[in-house]
Amino acid sequence: MDVPLSGGDLQNLGLDTLRAGGGGEPDDQGIFWFRGEQSVTTLVILSDPPCVFSVVLYGQSEQPDSRHFADQMPLFSAERFRPAWFTREQLEGHIESKTVLQKIPVH
């Protein structure tokens, strides 16, 4: 998926931006390709309960066959956030899977 991003690697000018990481020279079409750097942007409103918004550059999964592999790219490109649920009540209705860990006795 190709999406536009604001910012760029301006370190050669002594500047940096939020989305630094394209770097290098443009390709033959004048396009700089983003290759890393920023991982997550989060906005926290310190209310009770906290109100949290975030966006991950690509998605929550590193598995290419997951529907969450690149699901946040359009949001990130549009400079938008999604809710990051904090309380049990906020999470309910959004949980897709659950893993129960067993306590192993330590001797």
PDB file of N, CA and C in Angstrom:
ATOM      1  N   MET A   1       0.854  -1.166   0.000  1.00  0.00           N
ATOM      2  CA  MET A   1       0.000   0.000   0.000  1.00  0.00           C
ATOM      3  C   MET A   1       0.903   1.233   0.000  1.00  0.00           C
ATOM      4  N   ASP A   2       0.673   2.123  -0.923  1.00  0.00           N
ATOM      5  CA  ASP A   2       1.413   3.374  -0.979  1.00  0.00           C
ATOM      6  C   ASP A   2       0.504   4.498  -0.518  1.00  0.00           C
ATOM      7  N   VAL A   3       0.950   5.259   0.489  1.00  0.00           N
ATOM      8  CA  VAL A   3       0.186   6.401   0.983  1.00  0.00           C
ATOM      9  C   VAL A   3       1.148   7.563   1.190  1.00  0.00           C
ATOM     10  N   PRO A   4       0.694   8.785   0.994  1.00  0.00           N
ATOM     11  CA  PRO A   4       1.573   9.936   1.201  1.00  0.00           C
ATOM     12  C   PRO A   4       1.774  10.219   2.686  1.00  0.00           C
ATOM     13  N   LEU A   5       2.944  10.748   3.027  1.00  0.00           N
ATOM     14  CA  LEU A   5       3.252  11.157   4.398  1.00  0.00           C
ATOM     15  C   LEU A   5       3.822  12.555   4.393  1.00  0.00           C
ATOM     16  N   SER A   6       3.498  13.307   5.413  1.00  0.00           N
ATOM     17  CA  SER A   6       4.122  14.619   5.578  1.00  0.00           C
ATOM     18  C   SER A   6       5.471  14.426   6.237  1.00  0.00           C
ATOM     19  N   GLY A   7       6.270  15.455   6.236  1.00  0.00           N
ATOM     20  CA  GLY A   7       7.571  15.380   6.893  1.00  0.00           C
ATOM     21  C   GLY A   7       8.616  14.815   5.965  1.00  0.00           C
ATOM     22  N   GLY A   8       9.724  14.449   6.535  1.00  0.00           N
ATOM     23  CA  GLY A   8      10.810  13.899   5.740  1.00  0.00           C
ATOM     24  C   GLY A   8      12.102  13.975   6.511  1.00  0.00           C
ATOM     25  N   ASP A   9      13.150  13.495   5.915  1.00  0.00           N
ATOM     26  CA  ASP A   9      14.464  13.476   6.544  1.00  0.00           C
ATOM     27  C   ASP A   9      15.215  14.742   6.144  1.00  0.00           C
ATOM     28  N   LEU A  10      15.266  15.691   7.036  1.00  0.00           N
ATOM     29  CA  LEU A  10      15.900  16.979   6.753  1.00  0.00           C
ATOM     30  C   LEU A  10      17.155  17.188   7.594  1.00  0.00           C
ATOM     31  N   GLN A  11      17.738  16.082   8.078  1.00  0.00           N
ATOM     32  CA  GLN A  11      18.882  16.205   8.963  1.00  0.00           C
ATOM     33  C   GLN A  11      20.068  16.862   8.275  1.00  0.00           C
ATOM     34  N   ASN A  12      20.162  16.729   6.951  1.00  0.00           N
ATOM     35  CA  ASN A  12      21.268  17.383   6.243  1.00  0.00           C
ATOM     36  C   ASN A  12      21.159  18.904   6.306  1.00  0.00           C
ATOM     37  N   LEU A  13      19.971  19.409   6.667  1.00  0.00           N
ATOM     38  CA  LEU A  13      19.771  20.851   6.847  1.00  0.00           C
ATOM     39  C   LEU A  13      19.784  21.247   8.318  1.00  0.00           C
ATOM     40  N   GLY A  14      20.071  20.274   9.190  1.00  0.00           N
ATOM     41  CA  GLY A  14      20.059  20.543  10.619  1.00  0.00           C
ATOM     42  C   GLY A  14      18.660  20.561  11.195  1.00  0.00           C
ATOM     43  N   LEU A  15      17.697  19.997  10.460  1.00  0.00           N
ATOM     44  CA  LEU A  15      16.304  19.970  10.882  1.00  0.00           C
ATOM     45  C   LEU A  15      15.823  18.527  10.991  1.00  0.00           C
ATOM     46  N   ASP A  16      14.744  18.330  11.703  1.00  0.00           N
ATOM     47  CA  ASP A  16      14.140  17.019  11.794  1.00  0.00           C
ATOM     48  C   ASP A  16      12.630  17.215  11.893  1.00  0.00           C
ATOM     49  N   THR A  17      11.869  16.218  11.511  1.00  0.00           N
ATOM     50  CA  THR A  17      10.420  16.303  11.574  1.00  0.00           C
ATOM     51  C   THR A  17       9.861  15.078  12.279  1.00  0.00           C
ATOM     52  N   LEU A  18       8.592  15.135  12.624  1.00  0.00           N
ATOM     53  CA  LEU A  18       7.946  14.035  13.317  1.00  0.00           C
ATOM     54  C   LEU A  18       8.048  12.729  12.551  1.00  0.00           C
ATOM     55  N   ARG A  19       7.982  12.787  11.243  1.00  0.00           N
ATOM     56  CA  ARG A  19       7.987  11.572  10.434  1.00  0.00           C
ATOM     57  C   ARG A  19       9.313  11.375   9.716  1.00  0.00           C
ATOM     58  N   ALA A  20      10.400  11.760  10.345  1.00  0.00           N
ATOM     59  CA  ALA A  20      11.710  11.573   9.738  1.00  0.00           C
ATOM     60  C   ALA A  20      11.951  10.094   9.486  1.00  0.00           C
ATOM     61  N   GLY A  21      12.649   9.774   8.423  1.00  0.00           N
ATOM     62  CA  GLY A  21      12.986   8.391   8.167  1.00  0.00           C
ATOM     63  C   GLY A  21      13.013   8.034   6.701  1.00  0.00           C
ATOM     64  N   GLY A  22      12.519   8.894   5.822  1.00  0.00           N
ATOM     65  CA  GLY A  22      12.565   8.580   4.395  1.00  0.00           C
ATOM     66  C   GLY A  22      14.007   8.469   3.947  1.00  0.00           C
ATOM     67  N   GLY A  23      14.721   9.516   4.140  1.00  0.00           N
ATOM     68  CA  GLY A  23      16.160   9.533   3.908  1.00  0.00           C
ATOM     69  C   GLY A  23      16.579   9.214   2.495  1.00  0.00           C
ATOM     70  N   GLY A  24      17.853   9.329   2.266  1.00  0.00           N
ATOM     71  CA  GLY A  24      18.411   8.972   0.974  1.00  0.00           C
ATOM     72  C   GLY A  24      18.009   9.910  -0.135  1.00  0.00           C
ATOM     73  N   GLU A  25      18.158   9.420  -1.340  1.00  0.00           N
ATOM     74  CA  GLU A  25      17.835  10.192  -2.537  1.00  0.00           C
ATOM     75  C   GLU A  25      16.480   9.740  -3.078  1.00  0.00           C
ATOM     76  N   PRO A  26      15.775  10.635  -3.784  1.00  0.00           N
ATOM     77  CA  PRO A  26      14.492  10.220  -4.361  1.00  0.00           C
ATOM     78  C   PRO A  26      14.720   9.194  -5.476  1.00  0.00           C
ATOM     79  N   ASP A  27      13.681   8.390  -5.748  1.00  0.00           N
ATOM     80  CA  ASP A  27      13.783   7.435  -6.849  1.00  0.00           C
ATOM     81  C   ASP A  27      13.677   8.188  -8.173  1.00  0.00           C
ATOM     82  N   ASP A  28      13.625   7.472  -9.287  1.00  0.00           N
ATOM     83  CA  ASP A  28      13.616   8.128 -10.595  1.00  0.00           C
ATOM     84  C   ASP A  28      12.340   8.909 -10.875  1.00  0.00           C
ATOM     85  N   GLN A  29      11.318   8.770 -10.014  1.00  0.00           N
ATOM     86  CA  GLN A  29      10.087   9.554 -10.144  1.00  0.00           C
ATOM     87  C   GLN A  29      10.029  10.687  -9.119  1.00  0.00           C
ATOM     88  N   GLY A  30      11.134  10.894  -8.384  1.00  0.00           N
ATOM     89  CA  GLY A  30      11.187  11.962  -7.401  1.00  0.00           C
ATOM     90  C   GLY A  30      10.519  11.635  -6.085  1.00  0.00           C
ATOM     91  N   ILE A  31      10.279  10.344  -5.824  1.00  0.00           N
ATOM     92  CA  ILE A  31       9.585   9.924  -4.602  1.00  0.00           C
ATOM     93  C   ILE A  31      10.598   9.454  -3.561  1.00  0.00           C
ATOM     94  N   PHE A  32      10.459   9.976  -2.339  1.00  0.00           N
ATOM     95  CA  PHE A  32      11.237   9.486  -1.210  1.00  0.00           C
ATOM     96  C   PHE A  32      10.423   8.375  -0.553  1.00  0.00           C
ATOM     97  N   TRP A  33      11.053   7.272  -0.213  1.00  0.00           N
ATOM     98  CA  TRP A  33      10.347   6.139   0.382  1.00  0.00           C
ATOM     99  C   TRP A  33      10.639   6.073   1.867  1.00  0.00           C
ATOM    100  N   PHE A  34       9.573   6.014   2.675  1.00  0.00           N
ATOM    101  CA  PHE A  34       9.686   5.907   4.125  1.00  0.00           C
ATOM    102  C   PHE A  34      10.155   4.506   4.472  1.00  0.00           C
ATOM    103  N   ARG A  35      11.170   4.403   5.323  1.00  0.00           N
ATOM    104  CA  ARG A  35      11.733   3.100   5.642  1.00  0.00           C
ATOM    105  C   ARG A  35      11.853   2.835   7.134  1.00  0.00           C
ATOM    106  N   GLY A  36      11.264   3.648   7.973  1.00  0.00           N
ATOM    107  CA  GLY A  36      11.367   3.359   9.389  1.00  0.00           C
ATOM    108  C   GLY A  36      11.224   4.593  10.245  1.00  0.00           C
ATOM    109  N   GLU A  37      11.754   4.502  11.435  1.00  0.00           N
ATOM    110  CA  GLU A  37      11.779   5.561  12.448  1.00  0.00           C
ATOM    111  C   GLU A  37      10.557   5.545  13.341  1.00  0.00           C
ATOM    112  N   GLN A  38       9.600   6.461  13.141  1.00  0.00           N
ATOM    113  CA  GLN A  38       8.493   6.631  14.071  1.00  0.00           C
ATOM    114  C   GLN A  38       7.696   5.344  14.211  1.00  0.00           C
ATOM    115  N   SER A  39       7.355   4.979  15.443  1.00  0.00           N
ATOM    116  CA  SER A  39       6.611   3.742  15.650  1.00  0.00           C
ATOM    117  C   SER A  39       5.162   3.989  16.073  1.00  0.00           C
ATOM    118  N   VAL A  40       4.926   4.923  16.975  1.00  0.00           N
ATOM    119  CA  VAL A  40       3.560   5.193  17.421  1.00  0.00           C
ATOM    120  C   VAL A  40       3.468   6.640  17.912  1.00  0.00           C
ATOM    121  N   THR A  41       2.367   7.274  17.591  1.00  0.00           N
ATOM    122  CA  THR A  41       2.086   8.608  18.097  1.00  0.00           C
ATOM    123  C   THR A  41       0.890   8.477  19.028  1.00  0.00           C
ATOM    124  N   THR A  42       1.000   9.028  20.233  1.00  0.00           N
ATOM    125  CA  THR A  42      -0.056   8.877  21.230  1.00  0.00           C
ATOM    126  C   THR A  42      -0.389  10.231  21.848  1.00  0.00           C
ATOM    127  N   LEU A  43      -1.676  10.462  22.018  1.00  0.00           N
ATOM    128  CA  LEU A  43      -2.178  11.655  22.682  1.00  0.00           C
ATOM    129  C   LEU A  43      -2.952  11.187  23.908  1.00  0.00           C
ATOM    130  N   VAL A  44      -2.573  11.679  25.081  1.00  0.00           N
ATOM    131  CA  VAL A  44      -3.229  11.280  26.322  1.00  0.00           C
ATOM    132  C   VAL A  44      -3.831  12.517  26.986  1.00  0.00           C
ATOM    133  N   ILE A  45      -5.124  12.443  27.249  1.00  0.00           N
ATOM    134  CA  ILE A  45      -5.808  13.493  28.004  1.00  0.00           C
ATOM    135  C   ILE A  45      -5.952  12.964  29.419  1.00  0.00           C
ATOM    136  N   LEU A  46      -5.334  13.637  30.371  1.00  0.00           N
ATOM    137  CA  LEU A  46      -5.292  13.152  31.753  1.00  0.00           C
ATOM    138  C   LEU A  46      -6.590  13.458  32.476  1.00  0.00           C
ATOM    139  N   SER A  47      -7.630  12.750  32.065  1.00  0.00           N
ATOM    140  CA  SER A  47      -8.941  12.862  32.705  1.00  0.00           C
ATOM    141  C   SER A  47      -9.166  11.596  33.525  1.00  0.00           C
ATOM    142  N   ASP A  48     -10.347  11.436  34.087  1.00  0.00           N
ATOM    143  CA  ASP A  48     -10.642  10.246  34.882  1.00  0.00           C
ATOM    144  C   ASP A  48     -11.896   9.577  34.325  1.00  0.00           C
ATOM    145  N   PRO A  49     -11.768   8.487  33.565  1.00  0.00           N
ATOM    146  CA  PRO A  49     -10.535   7.788  33.208  1.00  0.00           C
ATOM    147  C   PRO A  49      -9.788   8.542  32.106  1.00  0.00           C
ATOM    148  N   PRO A  50      -8.509   8.197  31.916  1.00  0.00           N
ATOM    149  CA  PRO A  50      -7.744   8.849  30.856  1.00  0.00           C
ATOM    150  C   PRO A  50      -8.402   8.639  29.489  1.00  0.00           C
ATOM    151  N   CYS A  51      -8.281   9.616  28.634  1.00  0.00           N
ATOM    152  CA  CYS A  51      -8.789   9.544  27.264  1.00  0.00           C
ATOM    153  C   CYS A  51      -7.553   9.461  26.367  1.00  0.00           C
ATOM    154  N   VAL A  52      -7.398   8.353  25.654  1.00  0.00           N
ATOM    155  CA  VAL A  52      -6.166   8.094  24.921  1.00  0.00           C
ATOM    156  C   VAL A  52      -6.486   7.877  23.444  1.00  0.00           C
ATOM    157  N   PHE A  53      -5.658   8.484  22.589  1.00  0.00           N
ATOM    158  CA  PHE A  53      -5.753   8.302  21.144  1.00  0.00           C
ATOM    159  C   PHE A  53      -4.362   7.974  20.637  1.00  0.00           C
ATOM    160  N   SER A  54      -4.284   7.100  19.637  1.00  0.00           N
ATOM    161  CA  SER A  54      -2.977   6.775  19.089  1.00  0.00           C
ATOM    162  C   SER A  54      -3.114   6.338  17.640  1.00  0.00           C
ATOM    163  N   VAL A  55      -1.981   6.215  16.986  1.00  0.00           N
ATOM    164  CA  VAL A  55      -1.919   5.650  15.641  1.00  0.00           C
ATOM    165  C   VAL A  55      -0.537   5.028  15.479  1.00  0.00           C
ATOM    166  N   VAL A  56      -0.520   3.827  14.913  1.00  0.00           N
ATOM    167  CA  VAL A  56       0.720   3.107  14.649  1.00  0.00           C
ATOM    168  C   VAL A  56       0.993   3.245  13.152  1.00  0.00           C
ATOM    169  N   LEU A  57       2.224   3.487  12.798  1.00  0.00           N
ATOM    170  CA  LEU A  57       2.569   3.752  11.403  1.00  0.00           C
ATOM    171  C   LEU A  57       1.927   2.773  10.431  1.00  0.00           C
ATOM    172  N   TYR A  58       2.069   1.497  10.644  1.00  0.00           N
ATOM    173  CA  TYR A  58       1.495   0.515   9.726  1.00  0.00           C
ATOM    174  C   TYR A  58       0.241  -0.087  10.339  1.00  0.00           C
ATOM    175  N   GLY A  59       0.416  -0.935  11.335  1.00  0.00           N
ATOM    176  CA  GLY A  59      -0.690  -1.594  12.005  1.00  0.00           C
ATOM    177  C   GLY A  59      -0.160  -2.301  13.239  1.00  0.00           C
ATOM    178  N   GLN A  60      -1.020  -2.975  13.947  1.00  0.00           N
ATOM    179  CA  GLN A  60      -0.643  -3.622  15.199  1.00  0.00           C
ATOM    180  C   GLN A  60       0.058  -4.958  14.996  1.00  0.00           C
ATOM    181  N   SER A  61       0.009  -5.519  13.801  1.00  0.00           N
ATOM    182  CA  SER A  61       0.570  -6.845  13.567  1.00  0.00           C
ATOM    183  C   SER A  61       1.750  -6.786  12.612  1.00  0.00           C
ATOM    184  N   GLU A  62       2.724  -7.645  12.833  1.00  0.00           N
ATOM    185  CA  GLU A  62       3.841  -7.781  11.894  1.00  0.00           C
ATOM    186  C   GLU A  62       3.623  -8.948  10.938  1.00  0.00           C
ATOM    187  N   GLN A  63       2.447  -9.572  11.026  1.00  0.00           N
ATOM    188  CA  GLN A  63       2.126 -10.714  10.175  1.00  0.00           C
ATOM    189  C   GLN A  63       1.395 -10.223   8.921  1.00  0.00           C
ATOM    190  N   PRO A  64       1.985 -10.392   7.733  1.00  0.00           N
ATOM    191  CA  PRO A  64       1.366  -9.884   6.497  1.00  0.00           C
ATOM    192  C   PRO A  64      -0.042 -10.419   6.226  1.00  0.00           C
ATOM    193  N   ASP A  65      -0.383 -11.594   6.759  1.00  0.00           N
ATOM    194  CA  ASP A  65      -1.709 -12.151   6.514  1.00  0.00           C
ATOM    195  C   ASP A  65      -2.750 -11.656   7.527  1.00  0.00           C
ATOM    196  N   SER A  66      -2.350 -10.835   8.490  1.00  0.00           N
ATOM    197  CA  SER A  66      -3.277 -10.289   9.483  1.00  0.00           C
ATOM    198  C   SER A  66      -4.007  -9.076   8.920  1.00  0.00           C
ATOM    199  N   ARG A  67      -5.273  -8.931   9.273  1.00  0.00           N
ATOM    200  CA  ARG A  67      -6.009  -7.737   8.822  1.00  0.00           C
ATOM    201  C   ARG A  67      -5.500  -6.471   9.514  1.00  0.00           C
ATOM    202  N   HIS A  68      -4.671  -6.637  10.536  1.00  0.00           N
ATOM    203  CA  HIS A  68      -4.106  -5.492  11.251  1.00  0.00           C
ATOM    204  C   HIS A  68      -2.677  -5.179  10.817  1.00  0.00           C
ATOM    205  N   PHE A  69      -2.217  -5.786   9.721  1.00  0.00           N
ATOM    206  CA  PHE A  69      -0.853  -5.580   9.245  1.00  0.00           C
ATOM    207  C   PHE A  69      -0.638  -4.127   8.797  1.00  0.00           C
ATOM    208  N   ALA A  70      -1.572  -3.569   8.061  1.00  0.00           N
ATOM    209  CA  ALA A  70      -1.421  -2.194   7.560  1.00  0.00           C
ATOM    210  C   ALA A  70      -2.719  -1.406   7.721  1.00  0.00           C
ATOM    211  N   ASP A  71      -3.544  -1.792   8.687  1.00  0.00           N
ATOM    212  CA  ASP A  71      -4.857  -1.169   8.811  1.00  0.00           C
ATOM    213  C   ASP A  71      -4.825   0.274   9.300  1.00  0.00           C
ATOM    214  N   GLN A  72      -3.710   0.723   9.883  1.00  0.00           N
ATOM    215  CA  GLN A  72      -3.650   2.097  10.382  1.00  0.00           C
ATOM    216  C   GLN A  72      -2.904   3.040   9.430  1.00  0.00           C
ATOM    217  N   MET A  73      -2.367   2.513   8.339  1.00  0.00           N
ATOM    218  CA  MET A  73      -1.648   3.368   7.391  1.00  0.00           C
ATOM    219  C   MET A  73      -2.497   4.515   6.856  1.00  0.00           C
ATOM    220  N   PRO A  74      -3.755   4.277   6.450  1.00  0.00           N
ATOM    221  CA  PRO A  74      -4.566   5.402   5.970  1.00  0.00           C
ATOM    222  C   PRO A  74      -4.782   6.474   7.042  1.00  0.00           C
ATOM    223  N   LEU A  75      -4.978   6.059   8.300  1.00  0.00           N
ATOM    224  CA  LEU A  75      -5.126   7.029   9.399  1.00  0.00           C
ATOM    225  C   LEU A  75      -3.848   7.838   9.574  1.00  0.00           C
ATOM    226  N   PHE A  76      -2.714   7.138   9.593  1.00  0.00           N
ATOM    227  CA  PHE A  76      -1.424   7.801   9.784  1.00  0.00           C
ATOM    228  C   PHE A  76      -1.168   8.799   8.665  1.00  0.00           C
ATOM    229  N   SER A  77      -1.441   8.393   7.433  1.00  0.00           N
ATOM    230  CA  SER A  77      -1.241   9.269   6.284  1.00  0.00           C
ATOM    231  C   SER A  77      -2.123  10.511   6.369  1.00  0.00           C
ATOM    232  N   ALA A  78      -3.353  10.340   6.860  1.00  0.00           N
ATOM    233  CA  ALA A  78      -4.296  11.460   6.986  1.00  0.00           C
ATOM    234  C   ALA A  78      -4.081  12.265   8.262  1.00  0.00           C
ATOM    235  N   GLU A  79      -3.045  11.879   9.052  1.00  0.00           N
ATOM    236  CA  GLU A  79      -2.732  12.543  10.317  1.00  0.00           C
ATOM    237  C   GLU A  79      -3.931  12.507  11.263  1.00  0.00           C
ATOM    238  N   ARG A  80      -4.546  11.315  11.369  1.00  0.00           N
ATOM    239  CA  ARG A  80      -5.699  11.084  12.239  1.00  0.00           C
ATOM    240  C   ARG A  80      -5.313  10.081  13.317  1.00  0.00           C
ATOM    241  N   PHE A  81      -6.067  10.041  14.390  1.00  0.00           N
ATOM    242  CA  PHE A  81      -5.867   9.103  15.486  1.00  0.00           C
ATOM    243  C   PHE A  81      -7.053   8.151  15.575  1.00  0.00           C
ATOM    244  N   ARG A  82      -6.881   7.096  16.339  1.00  0.00           N
ATOM    245  CA  ARG A  82      -7.969   6.185  16.695  1.00  0.00           C
ATOM    246  C   ARG A  82      -8.016   6.128  18.209  1.00  0.00           C
ATOM    247  N   PRO A  83      -9.168   5.769  18.791  1.00  0.00           N
ATOM    248  CA  PRO A  83      -9.209   5.629  20.245  1.00  0.00           C
ATOM    249  C   PRO A  83      -8.328   4.472  20.701  1.00  0.00           C
ATOM    250  N   ALA A  84      -7.610   4.666  21.772  1.00  0.00           N
ATOM    251  CA  ALA A  84      -6.835   3.598  22.407  1.00  0.00           C
ATOM    252  C   ALA A  84      -7.541   3.322  23.725  1.00  0.00           C
ATOM    253  N   TRP A  85      -8.328   2.274  23.747  1.00  0.00           N
ATOM    254  CA  TRP A  85      -9.175   1.992  24.904  1.00  0.00           C
ATOM    255  C   TRP A  85      -8.336   1.691  26.126  1.00  0.00           C
ATOM    256  N   PHE A  86      -8.785   2.191  27.274  1.00  0.00           N
ATOM    257  CA  PHE A  86      -8.002   2.136  28.493  1.00  0.00           C
ATOM    258  C   PHE A  86      -8.671   1.308  29.584  1.00  0.00           C
ATOM    259  N   THR A  87      -9.961   1.474  29.737  1.00  0.00           N
ATOM    260  CA  THR A  87     -10.678   0.765  30.808  1.00  0.00           C
ATOM    261  C   THR A  87     -11.325  -0.504  30.252  1.00  0.00           C
ATOM    262  N   ARG A  88     -11.712  -1.406  31.159  1.00  0.00           N
ATOM    263  CA  ARG A  88     -12.398  -2.641  30.748  1.00  0.00           C
ATOM    264  C   ARG A  88     -13.652  -2.310  29.944  1.00  0.00           C
ATOM    265  N   GLU A  89     -14.405  -1.320  30.394  1.00  0.00           N
ATOM    266  CA  GLU A  89     -15.635  -0.940  29.707  1.00  0.00           C
ATOM    267  C   GLU A  89     -15.337  -0.446  28.289  1.00  0.00           C
ATOM    268  N   GLN A  90     -14.254   0.314  28.119  1.00  0.00           N
ATOM    269  CA  GLN A  90     -13.889   0.797  26.794  1.00  0.00           C
ATOM    270  C   GLN A  90     -13.430  -0.354  25.894  1.00  0.00           C
ATOM    271  N   LEU A  91     -12.774  -1.343  26.474  1.00  0.00           N
ATOM    272  CA  LEU A  91     -12.268  -2.486  25.705  1.00  0.00           C
ATOM    273  C   LEU A  91     -13.376  -3.430  25.249  1.00  0.00           C
ATOM    274  N   GLU A  92     -14.406  -3.592  26.078  1.00  0.00           N
ATOM    275  CA  GLU A  92     -15.472  -4.529  25.749  1.00  0.00           C
ATOM    276  C   GLU A  92     -16.073  -4.187  24.389  1.00  0.00           C
ATOM    277  N   GLY A  93     -16.269  -5.209  23.600  1.00  0.00           N
ATOM    278  CA  GLY A  93     -16.797  -5.019  22.256  1.00  0.00           C
ATOM    279  C   GLY A  93     -15.704  -4.867  21.203  1.00  0.00           C
ATOM    280  N   HIS A  94     -14.455  -4.730  21.634  1.00  0.00           N
ATOM    281  CA  HIS A  94     -13.346  -4.571  20.694  1.00  0.00           C
ATOM    282  C   HIS A  94     -12.330  -5.705  20.798  1.00  0.00           C
ATOM    283  N   ILE A  95     -12.501  -6.607  21.738  1.00  0.00           N
ATOM    284  CA  ILE A  95     -11.548  -7.700  21.944  1.00  0.00           C
ATOM    285  C   ILE A  95     -11.776  -8.760  20.865  1.00  0.00           C
ATOM    286  N   GLU A  96     -10.726  -9.088  20.137  1.00  0.00           N
ATOM    287  CA  GLU A  96     -10.830 -10.071  19.054  1.00  0.00           C
ATOM    288  C   GLU A  96     -10.333 -11.447  19.467  1.00  0.00           C
ATOM    289  N   SER A  97      -9.433 -11.514  20.426  1.00  0.00           N
ATOM    290  CA  SER A  97      -8.936 -12.804  20.884  1.00  0.00           C
ATOM    291  C   SER A  97      -8.472 -12.659  22.327  1.00  0.00           C
ATOM    292  N   LYS A  98      -8.309 -13.795  22.969  1.00  0.00           N
ATOM    293  CA  LYS A  98      -7.935 -13.789  24.375  1.00  0.00           C
ATOM    294  C   LYS A  98      -7.015 -14.977  24.628  1.00  0.00           C
ATOM    295  N   THR A  99      -5.940 -14.753  25.364  1.00  0.00           N
ATOM    296  CA  THR A  99      -5.008 -15.807  25.751  1.00  0.00           C
ATOM    297  C   THR A  99      -4.936 -15.820  27.262  1.00  0.00           C
ATOM    298  N   VAL A 100      -5.186 -16.974  27.853  1.00  0.00           N
ATOM    299  CA  VAL A 100      -5.114 -17.122  29.303  1.00  0.00           C
ATOM    300  C   VAL A 100      -3.767 -17.747  29.648  1.00  0.00           C
ATOM    301  N   LEU A 101      -2.989 -17.060  30.466  1.00  0.00           N
ATOM    302  CA  LEU A 101      -1.686 -17.562  30.893  1.00  0.00           C
ATOM    303  C   LEU A 101      -1.846 -18.299  32.206  1.00  0.00           C
ATOM    304  N   GLN A 102      -1.176 -19.406  32.311  1.00  0.00           N
ATOM    305  CA  GLN A 102      -1.227 -20.180  33.558  1.00  0.00           C
ATOM    306  C   GLN A 102      -0.029 -19.841  34.412  1.00  0.00           C
ATOM    307  N   LYS A 103      -0.283 -19.751  35.690  1.00  0.00           N
ATOM    308  CA  LYS A 103       0.792 -19.478  36.635  1.00  0.00           C
ATOM    309  C   LYS A 103       1.581 -20.778  36.835  1.00  0.00           C
ATOM    310  N   ILE A 104       2.897 -20.694  36.649  1.00  0.00           N
ATOM    311  CA  ILE A 104       3.751 -21.858  36.825  1.00  0.00           C
ATOM    312  C   ILE A 104       4.508 -21.684  38.133  1.00  0.00           C
ATOM    313  N   PRO A 105       4.387 -22.674  39.039  1.00  0.00           N
ATOM    314  CA  PRO A 105       5.085 -22.552  40.322  1.00  0.00           C
ATOM    315  C   PRO A 105       6.603 -22.517  40.119  1.00  0.00           C
ATOM    316  N   VAL A 106       7.250 -21.666  40.880  1.00  0.00           N
ATOM    317  CA  VAL A 106       8.714 -21.569  40.835  1.00  0.00           C
ATOM    318  C   VAL A 106       9.263 -22.316  42.036  1.00  0.00           C
ATOM    319  N   HIS A 107      10.199 -23.186  41.796  1.00  0.00           N
ATOM    320  CA  HIS A 107      10.783 -23.975  42.903  1.00  0.00           C
ATOM    321  C   HIS A 107      12.097 -23.419  43.310  1.00  0.00           C
TER     322      HIS A 107
END
